[in-house]
Amino acid sequence: LQSLMDDCERMNRTTLQWLTNCLTPWLVDRAV
C-alpha cells in the first residue's frame, strides 16, 4: 500500500512535468 502511494506521487509528478511548461524538472526515474 505504501509503495502504491509512492507510485501515485511519481505518476502525478511525471504527468505534470509532461503536460506543462515545467520550470523545476525533478528526476522521475533513471528511465525517463
PDB file of all heavy atoms in Angstrom:
ATOM      1  N   LEU A   1       0.830  -1.207   0.000  1.00  0.00           N
ATOM      2  CA  LEU A   1       0.000   0.000   0.000  1.00  0.00           C
ATOM      3  C   LEU A   1       0.862   1.254   0.000  1.00  0.00           C
ATOM      4  O   LEU A   1       0.601   2.210  -0.740  1.00  0.00           O
ATOM      5  CB  LEU A   1      -0.939  -0.007   1.211  1.00  0.00           C
ATOM      6  CG  LEU A   1      -1.825   1.235   1.376  1.00  0.00           C
ATOM      7  CD1 LEU A   1      -2.723   1.433   0.163  1.00  0.00           C
ATOM      8  CD2 LEU A   1      -2.657   1.136   2.660  1.00  0.00           C
ATOM      9  N   GLN A   2       1.917   1.265   0.829  1.00  0.00           N
ATOM     10  CA  GLN A   2       2.812   2.414   0.855  1.00  0.00           C
ATOM     11  C   GLN A   2       3.502   2.587  -0.490  1.00  0.00           C
ATOM     12  O   GLN A   2       3.660   3.713  -0.990  1.00  0.00           O
ATOM     13  CB  GLN A   2       3.856   2.246   1.957  1.00  0.00           C
ATOM     14  CG  GLN A   2       4.822   3.420   2.088  1.00  0.00           C
ATOM     15  CD  GLN A   2       4.119   4.719   2.393  1.00  0.00           C
ATOM     16  OE1 GLN A   2       3.447   4.843   3.421  1.00  0.00           O
ATOM     17  NE2 GLN A   2       4.252   5.709   1.521  1.00  0.00           N
ATOM     18  N   SER A   3       3.889   1.480  -1.094  1.00  0.00           N
ATOM     19  CA  SER A   3       4.520   1.543  -2.403  1.00  0.00           C
ATOM     20  C   SER A   3       3.560   2.095  -3.454  1.00  0.00           C
ATOM     21  O   SER A   3       3.959   2.859  -4.339  1.00  0.00           O
ATOM     22  CB  SER A   3       5.002   0.148  -2.810  1.00  0.00           C
ATOM     23  OG  SER A   3       5.606   0.175  -4.081  1.00  0.00           O
ATOM     24  N   LEU A   4       2.283   1.732  -3.350  1.00  0.00           N
ATOM     25  CA  LEU A   4       1.282   2.244  -4.278  1.00  0.00           C
ATOM     26  C   LEU A   4       1.136   3.758  -4.132  1.00  0.00           C
ATOM     27  O   LEU A   4       1.014   4.485  -5.131  1.00  0.00           O
ATOM     28  CB  LEU A   4      -0.060   1.554  -4.027  1.00  0.00           C
ATOM     29  CG  LEU A   4      -1.236   1.995  -4.904  1.00  0.00           C
ATOM     30  CD1 LEU A   4      -0.944   1.746  -6.372  1.00  0.00           C
ATOM     31  CD2 LEU A   4      -2.522   1.274  -4.482  1.00  0.00           C
ATOM     32  N   MET A   5       1.155   4.257  -2.899  1.00  0.00           N
ATOM     33  CA  MET A   5       1.078   5.701  -2.677  1.00  0.00           C
ATOM     34  C   MET A   5       2.299   6.404  -3.285  1.00  0.00           C
ATOM     35  O   MET A   5       2.184   7.485  -3.880  1.00  0.00           O
ATOM     36  CB  MET A   5       0.972   6.004  -1.179  1.00  0.00           C
ATOM     37  CG  MET A   5      -0.340   5.529  -0.570  1.00  0.00           C
ATOM     38  SD  MET A   5      -0.433   5.802   1.214  1.00  0.00           S
ATOM     39  CE  MET A   5      -0.490   7.598   1.277  1.00  0.00           C
ATOM     40  N   ASP A   6       3.461   5.786  -3.154  1.00  0.00           N
ATOM     41  CA  ASP A   6       4.664   6.353  -3.774  1.00  0.00           C
ATOM     42  C   ASP A   6       4.538   6.363  -5.296  1.00  0.00           C
ATOM     43  O   ASP A   6       4.964   7.311  -5.964  1.00  0.00           O
ATOM     44  CB  ASP A   6       5.900   5.552  -3.357  1.00  0.00           C
ATOM     45  CG  ASP A   6       6.244   5.713  -1.887  1.00  0.00           C
ATOM     46  OD1 ASP A   6       5.743   6.666  -1.260  1.00  0.00           O
ATOM     47  OD2 ASP A   6       7.002   4.879  -1.360  1.00  0.00           O
ATOM     48  N   ASP A   7       3.954   5.298  -5.851  1.00  0.00           N
ATOM     49  CA  ASP A   7       3.737   5.239  -7.299  1.00  0.00           C
ATOM     50  C   ASP A   7       2.826   6.379  -7.759  1.00  0.00           C
ATOM     51  O   ASP A   7       3.051   6.986  -8.815  1.00  0.00           O
ATOM     52  CB  ASP A   7       3.110   3.905  -7.699  1.00  0.00           C
ATOM     53  CG  ASP A   7       4.068   2.724  -7.550  1.00  0.00           C
ATOM     54  OD1 ASP A   7       5.284   2.964  -7.446  1.00  0.00           O
ATOM     55  OD2 ASP A   7       3.585   1.581  -7.535  1.00  0.00           O
ATOM     56  N   CYS A   8       1.782   6.644  -6.969  1.00  0.00           N
ATOM     57  CA  CYS A   8       0.856   7.733  -7.316  1.00  0.00           C
ATOM     58  C   CYS A   8       1.578   9.082  -7.308  1.00  0.00           C
ATOM     59  O   CYS A   8       1.358   9.918  -8.191  1.00  0.00           O
ATOM     60  CB  CYS A   8      -0.311   7.758  -6.336  1.00  0.00           C
ATOM     61  SG  CYS A   8      -1.464   6.373  -6.513  1.00  0.00           S
ATOM     62  N   GLU A   9       2.433   9.285  -6.312  1.00  0.00           N
ATOM     63  CA  GLU A   9       3.188  10.547  -6.252  1.00  0.00           C
ATOM     64  C   GLU A   9       4.059  10.702  -7.486  1.00  0.00           C
ATOM     65  O   GLU A   9       4.106  11.777  -8.102  1.00  0.00           O
ATOM     66  CB  GLU A   9       4.044  10.561  -4.979  1.00  0.00           C
ATOM     67  CG  GLU A   9       4.757  11.891  -4.699  1.00  0.00           C
ATOM     68  CD  GLU A   9       6.059  12.058  -5.452  1.00  0.00           C
ATOM     69  OE1 GLU A   9       6.665  11.031  -5.845  1.00  0.00           O
ATOM     70  OE2 GLU A   9       6.480  13.216  -5.684  1.00  0.00           O
ATOM     71  N   ARG A  10       4.737   9.637  -7.859  1.00  0.00           N
ATOM     72  CA  ARG A  10       5.617   9.697  -9.022  1.00  0.00           C
ATOM     73  C   ARG A  10       4.816   9.887 -10.314  1.00  0.00           C
ATOM     74  O   ARG A  10       5.211  10.642 -11.196  1.00  0.00           O
ATOM     75  CB  ARG A  10       6.472   8.434  -9.089  1.00  0.00           C
ATOM     76  CG  ARG A  10       7.508   8.460 -10.209  1.00  0.00           C
ATOM     77  CD  ARG A  10       8.529   7.335 -10.074  1.00  0.00           C
ATOM     78  NE  ARG A  10       7.908   6.031 -10.043  1.00  0.00           N
ATOM     79  CZ  ARG A  10       7.810   5.265  -8.946  1.00  0.00           C
ATOM     80  NH1 ARG A  10       8.291   5.685  -7.789  1.00  0.00           N
ATOM     81  NH2 ARG A  10       7.230   4.074  -8.989  1.00  0.00           N
ATOM     82  N   MET A  11       3.668   9.224 -10.433  1.00  0.00           N
ATOM     83  CA  MET A  11       2.842   9.359 -11.626  1.00  0.00           C
ATOM     84  C   MET A  11       2.290  10.783 -11.757  1.00  0.00           C
ATOM     85  O   MET A  11       2.252  11.353 -12.857  1.00  0.00           O
ATOM     86  CB  MET A  11       1.695   8.344 -11.592  1.00  0.00           C
ATOM     87  CG  MET A  11       0.752   8.436 -12.786  1.00  0.00           C
ATOM     88  SD  MET A  11       1.605   8.255 -14.376  1.00  0.00           S
ATOM     89  CE  MET A  11       2.054   6.520 -14.311  1.00  0.00           C
ATOM     90  N   ASN A  12       1.854  11.364 -10.631  1.00  0.00           N
ATOM     91  CA  ASN A  12       1.385  12.757 -10.670  1.00  0.00           C
ATOM     92  C   ASN A  12       2.479  13.686 -11.175  1.00  0.00           C
ATOM     93  O   ASN A  12       2.252  14.544 -12.040  1.00  0.00           O
ATOM     94  CB  ASN A  12       0.951  13.203  -9.268  1.00  0.00           C
ATOM     95  CG  ASN A  12      -0.469  12.799  -8.950  1.00  0.00           C
ATOM     96  OD1 ASN A  12      -1.207  12.329  -9.813  1.00  0.00           O
ATOM     97  ND2 ASN A  12      -0.874  12.974  -7.708  1.00  0.00           N
ATOM     98  N   ARG A  13       3.674  13.519 -10.613  1.00  0.00           N
ATOM     99  CA  ARG A  13       4.783  14.402 -10.987  1.00  0.00           C
ATOM    100  C   ARG A  13       5.176  14.185 -12.447  1.00  0.00           C
ATOM    101  O   ARG A  13       5.446  15.147 -13.177  1.00  0.00           O
ATOM    102  CB  ARG A  13       5.967  14.130 -10.041  1.00  0.00           C
ATOM    103  CG  ARG A  13       7.122  15.078 -10.178  1.00  0.00           C
ATOM    104  CD  ARG A  13       7.952  15.106  -8.899  1.00  0.00           C
ATOM    105  NE  ARG A  13       8.020  13.826  -8.227  1.00  0.00           N
ATOM    106  CZ  ARG A  13       8.953  12.903  -8.455  1.00  0.00           C
ATOM    107  NH1 ARG A  13       9.886  13.122  -9.377  1.00  0.00           N
ATOM    108  NH2 ARG A  13       8.981  11.781  -7.764  1.00  0.00           N
ATOM    109  N   THR A  14       5.193  12.929 -12.877  1.00  0.00           N
ATOM    110  CA  THR A  14       5.523  12.624 -14.269  1.00  0.00           C
ATOM    111  C   THR A  14       4.518  13.269 -15.215  1.00  0.00           C
ATOM    112  O   THR A  14       4.885  13.907 -16.214  1.00  0.00           O
ATOM    113  CB  THR A  14       5.529  11.100 -14.494  1.00  0.00           C
ATOM    114  OG1 THR A  14       6.467  10.492 -13.612  1.00  0.00           O
ATOM    115  CG2 THR A  14       5.901  10.760 -15.925  1.00  0.00           C
ATOM    116  N   THR A  15       3.234  13.117 -14.892  1.00  0.00           N
ATOM    117  CA  THR A  15       2.178  13.652 -15.751  1.00  0.00           C
ATOM    118  C   THR A  15       2.253  15.173 -15.828  1.00  0.00           C
ATOM    119  O   THR A  15       2.126  15.764 -16.913  1.00  0.00           O
ATOM    120  CB  THR A  15       0.803  13.211 -15.233  1.00  0.00           C
ATOM    121  OG1 THR A  15       0.759  11.778 -15.156  1.00  0.00           O
ATOM    122  CG2 THR A  15      -0.315  13.699 -16.137  1.00  0.00           C
ATOM    123  N   LEU A  16       2.472  15.810 -14.694  1.00  0.00           N
ATOM    124  CA  LEU A  16       2.538  17.273 -14.680  1.00  0.00           C
ATOM    125  C   LEU A  16       3.770  17.784 -15.428  1.00  0.00           C
ATOM    126  O   LEU A  16       3.695  18.768 -16.164  1.00  0.00           O
ATOM    127  CB  LEU A  16       2.532  17.779 -13.238  1.00  0.00           C
ATOM    128  CG  LEU A  16       1.149  17.754 -12.572  1.00  0.00           C
ATOM    129  CD1 LEU A  16       1.276  17.837 -11.072  1.00  0.00           C
ATOM    130  CD2 LEU A  16       0.285  18.895 -13.094  1.00  0.00           C
ATOM    131  N   GLN A  17       4.909  17.126 -15.243  1.00  0.00           N
ATOM    132  CA  GLN A  17       6.111  17.562 -15.953  1.00  0.00           C
ATOM    133  C   GLN A  17       5.975  17.357 -17.463  1.00  0.00           C
ATOM    134  O   GLN A  17       6.602  18.060 -18.253  1.00  0.00           O
ATOM    135  CB  GLN A  17       7.346  16.852 -15.395  1.00  0.00           C
ATOM    136  CG  GLN A  17       7.666  17.297 -13.977  1.00  0.00           C
ATOM    137  CD  GLN A  17       8.938  16.706 -13.381  1.00  0.00           C
ATOM    138  OE1 GLN A  17       9.186  16.816 -12.187  1.00  0.00           O
ATOM    139  NE2 GLN A  17       9.774  16.087 -14.188  1.00  0.00           N
ATOM    140  N   TRP A  18       5.128  16.434 -17.855  1.00  0.00           N
ATOM    141  CA  TRP A  18       4.885  16.165 -19.263  1.00  0.00           C
ATOM    142  C   TRP A  18       3.894  17.165 -19.870  1.00  0.00           C
ATOM    143  O   TRP A  18       4.094  17.686 -20.969  1.00  0.00           O
ATOM    144  CB  TRP A  18       4.349  14.738 -19.393  1.00  0.00           C
ATOM    145  CG  TRP A  18       4.049  14.274 -20.789  1.00  0.00           C
ATOM    146  CD1 TRP A  18       4.514  14.779 -21.970  1.00  0.00           C
ATOM    147  CD2 TRP A  18       3.216  13.170 -21.134  1.00  0.00           C
ATOM    148  NE1 TRP A  18       4.023  14.065 -23.029  1.00  0.00           N
ATOM    149  CE2 TRP A  18       3.217  13.069 -22.542  1.00  0.00           C
ATOM    150  CE3 TRP A  18       2.475  12.251 -20.387  1.00  0.00           C
ATOM    151  CZ2 TRP A  18       2.494  12.089 -23.226  1.00  0.00           C
ATOM    152  CZ3 TRP A  18       1.769  11.270 -21.069  1.00  0.00           C
ATOM    153  CH2 TRP A  18       1.775  11.199 -22.469  1.00  0.00           C
ATOM    154  N   LEU A  19       2.817  17.463 -19.131  1.00  0.00           N
ATOM    155  CA  LEU A  19       1.728  18.273 -19.670  1.00  0.00           C
ATOM    156  C   LEU A  19       1.955  19.771 -19.574  1.00  0.00           C
ATOM    157  O   LEU A  19       1.204  20.557 -20.160  1.00  0.00           O
ATOM    158  CB  LEU A  19       0.413  17.927 -18.949  1.00  0.00           C
ATOM    159  CG  LEU A  19      -0.139  16.505 -19.116  1.00  0.00           C
ATOM    160  CD1 LEU A  19      -1.425  16.363 -18.337  1.00  0.00           C
ATOM    161  CD2 LEU A  19      -0.348  16.175 -20.584  1.00  0.00           C
ATOM    162  N   THR A  20       2.962  20.211 -18.826  1.00  0.00           N
ATOM    163  CA  THR A  20       3.133  21.627 -18.542  1.00  0.00           C
ATOM    164  C   THR A  20       4.497  22.157 -18.998  1.00  0.00           C
ATOM    165  O   THR A  20       5.388  21.393 -19.367  1.00  0.00           O
ATOM    166  CB  THR A  20       3.008  21.887 -17.030  1.00  0.00           C
ATOM    167  OG1 THR A  20       4.136  21.286 -16.361  1.00  0.00           O
ATOM    168  CG2 THR A  20       1.710  21.342 -16.463  1.00  0.00           C
ATOM    169  N   ASN A  21       4.608  23.458 -18.904  1.00  0.00           N
ATOM    170  CA  ASN A  21       5.906  24.113 -19.011  1.00  0.00           C
ATOM    171  C   ASN A  21       6.536  24.035 -17.629  1.00  0.00           C
ATOM    172  O   ASN A  21       6.277  24.871 -16.764  1.00  0.00           O
ATOM    173  CB  ASN A  21       5.716  25.571 -19.452  1.00  0.00           C
ATOM    174  CG  ASN A  21       6.996  26.371 -19.393  1.00  0.00           C
ATOM    175  OD1 ASN A  21       8.072  25.862 -19.691  1.00  0.00           O
ATOM    176  ND2 ASN A  21       6.885  27.639 -18.993  1.00  0.00           N
ATOM    177  N   CYS A  22       7.338  22.997 -17.405  1.00  0.00           N
ATOM    178  CA  CYS A  22       7.863  22.701 -16.070  1.00  0.00           C
ATOM    179  C   CYS A  22       9.154  23.486 -15.834  1.00  0.00           C
ATOM    180  O   CYS A  22      10.155  23.273 -16.524  1.00  0.00           O
ATOM    181  CB  CYS A  22       8.107  21.205 -15.921  1.00  0.00           C
ATOM    182  SG  CYS A  22       8.800  20.754 -14.324  1.00  0.00           S
ATOM    183  N   LEU A  23       9.129  24.361 -14.839  1.00  0.00           N
ATOM    184  CA  LEU A  23      10.294  25.195 -14.530  1.00  0.00           C
ATOM    185  C   LEU A  23      11.235  24.551 -13.522  1.00  0.00           C
ATOM    186  O   LEU A  23      12.353  25.044 -13.332  1.00  0.00           O
ATOM    187  CB  LEU A  23       9.831  26.556 -13.997  1.00  0.00           C
ATOM    188  CG  LEU A  23       8.914  27.372 -14.912  1.00  0.00           C
ATOM    189  CD1 LEU A  23       8.603  28.728 -14.279  1.00  0.00           C
ATOM    190  CD2 LEU A  23       9.526  27.559 -16.292  1.00  0.00           C
ATOM    191  N   THR A  24      10.788  23.492 -12.883  1.00  0.00           N
ATOM    192  CA  THR A  24      11.600  22.811 -11.855  1.00  0.00           C
ATOM    193  C   THR A  24      11.598  21.308 -12.140  1.00  0.00           C
ATOM    194  O   THR A  24      10.951  20.546 -11.427  1.00  0.00           O
ATOM    195  CB  THR A  24      11.036  23.077 -10.452  1.00  0.00           C
ATOM    196  OG1 THR A  24       9.639  22.716 -10.445  1.00  0.00           O
ATOM    197  CG2 THR A  24      11.186  24.535 -10.056  1.00  0.00           C
ATOM    198  N   PRO A  25      12.301  20.863 -13.164  1.00  0.00           N
ATOM    199  CA  PRO A  25      12.260  19.443 -13.533  1.00  0.00           C
ATOM    200  C   PRO A  25      12.954  18.559 -12.501  1.00  0.00           C
ATOM    201  O   PRO A  25      14.163  18.614 -12.343  1.00  0.00           O
ATOM    202  CB  PRO A  25      12.971  19.411 -14.891  1.00  0.00           C
ATOM    203  CG  PRO A  25      13.850  20.619 -14.896  1.00  0.00           C
ATOM    204  CD  PRO A  25      13.142  21.658 -14.094  1.00  0.00           C
ATOM    205  N   TRP A  26      12.180  17.756 -11.794  1.00  0.00           N
ATOM    206  CA  TRP A  26      12.712  16.802 -10.830  1.00  0.00           C
ATOM    207  C   TRP A  26      12.966  15.472 -11.531  1.00  0.00           C
ATOM    208  O   TRP A  26      12.228  15.089 -12.445  1.00  0.00           O
ATOM    209  CB  TRP A  26      11.725  16.579  -9.682  1.00  0.00           C
ATOM    210  CG  TRP A  26      11.625  17.719  -8.721  1.00  0.00           C
ATOM    211  CD1 TRP A  26      10.958  18.904  -8.916  1.00  0.00           C
ATOM    212  CD2 TRP A  26      12.196  17.796  -7.420  1.00  0.00           C
ATOM    213  NE1 TRP A  26      11.078  19.712  -7.807  1.00  0.00           N
ATOM    214  CE2 TRP A  26      11.834  19.056  -6.864  1.00  0.00           C
ATOM    215  CE3 TRP A  26      12.975  16.920  -6.657  1.00  0.00           C
ATOM    216  CZ2 TRP A  26      12.230  19.450  -5.590  1.00  0.00           C
ATOM    217  CZ3 TRP A  26      13.368  17.324  -5.379  1.00  0.00           C
ATOM    218  CH2 TRP A  26      12.998  18.571  -4.864  1.00  0.00           C
ATOM    219  N   LEU A  27      13.975  14.771 -11.091  1.00  0.00           N
ATOM    220  CA  LEU A  27      14.252  13.441 -11.607  1.00  0.00           C
ATOM    221  C   LEU A  27      13.094  12.507 -11.276  1.00  0.00           C
ATOM    222  O   LEU A  27      12.697  12.402 -10.117  1.00  0.00           O
ATOM    223  CB  LEU A  27      15.553  12.893 -11.014  1.00  0.00           C
ATOM    224  CG  LEU A  27      15.950  11.480 -11.444  1.00  0.00           C
ATOM    225  CD1 LEU A  27      16.350  11.457 -12.918  1.00  0.00           C
ATOM    226  CD2 LEU A  27      17.096  10.957 -10.566  1.00  0.00           C
ATOM    227  N   VAL A  28      12.544  11.849 -12.300  1.00  0.00           N
ATOM    228  CA  VAL A  28      11.444  10.909 -12.088  1.00  0.00           C
ATOM    229  C   VAL A  28      12.001   9.518 -11.797  1.00  0.00           C
ATOM    230  O   VAL A  28      11.710   8.917 -10.771  1.00  0.00           O
ATOM    231  CB  VAL A  28      10.507  10.885 -13.309  1.00  0.00           C
ATOM    232  CG1 VAL A  28       9.437   9.803 -13.139  1.00  0.00           C
ATOM    233  CG2 VAL A  28       9.857  12.252 -13.499  1.00  0.00           C
ATOM    234  N   ASP A  29      12.772   8.987 -12.715  1.00  0.00           N
ATOM    235  CA  ASP A  29      13.492   7.735 -12.510  1.00  0.00           C
ATOM    236  C   ASP A  29      14.617   7.675 -13.535  1.00  0.00           C
ATOM    237  O   ASP A  29      14.782   8.581 -14.357  1.00  0.00           O
ATOM    238  CB  ASP A  29      12.566   6.510 -12.592  1.00  0.00           C
ATOM    239  CG  ASP A  29      11.819   6.417 -13.918  1.00  0.00           C
ATOM    240  OD1 ASP A  29      12.408   6.749 -14.967  1.00  0.00           O
ATOM    241  OD2 ASP A  29      10.645   6.008 -13.907  1.00  0.00           O
ATOM    242  N   ARG A  30      15.389   6.601 -13.500  1.00  0.00           N
ATOM    243  CA  ARG A  30      16.550   6.517 -14.383  1.00  0.00           C
ATOM    244  C   ARG A  30      16.158   6.314 -15.841  1.00  0.00           C
ATOM    245  O   ARG A  30      16.950   6.584 -16.741  1.00  0.00           O
ATOM    246  CB  ARG A  30      17.476   5.402 -13.910  1.00  0.00           C
ATOM    247  CG  ARG A  30      18.290   5.789 -12.678  1.00  0.00           C
ATOM    248  CD  ARG A  30      19.152   4.664 -12.176  1.00  0.00           C
ATOM    249  NE  ARG A  30      18.339   3.624 -11.527  1.00  0.00           N
ATOM    250  CZ  ARG A  30      18.855   2.583 -10.866  1.00  0.00           C
ATOM    251  NH1 ARG A  30      20.159   2.435 -10.786  1.00  0.00           N
ATOM    252  NH2 ARG A  30      18.065   1.691 -10.309  1.00  0.00           N
ATOM    253  N   ALA A  31      14.929   5.872 -16.091  1.00  0.00           N
ATOM    254  CA  ALA A  31      14.499   5.638 -17.467  1.00  0.00           C
ATOM    255  C   ALA A  31      14.141   6.941 -18.181  1.00  0.00           C
ATOM    256  O   ALA A  31      14.623   7.213 -19.277  1.00  0.00           O
ATOM    257  CB  ALA A  31      13.314   4.680 -17.497  1.00  0.00           C
ATOM    258  N   VAL A  32      13.302   7.774 -17.559  1.00  0.00           N
ATOM    259  CA  VAL A  32      12.824   8.989 -18.235  1.00  0.00           C
ATOM    260  C   VAL A  32      13.566  10.251 -17.799  1.00  0.00           C
ATOM    261  O   VAL A  32      13.365  11.319 -18.362  1.00  0.00           O
ATOM    262  CB  VAL A  32      11.302   9.179 -18.039  1.00  0.00           C
ATOM    263  CG1 VAL A  32      10.540   7.990 -18.582  1.00  0.00           C
ATOM    264  CG2 VAL A  32      10.963   9.399 -16.563  1.00  0.00           C
TER     265      VAL A  32
END
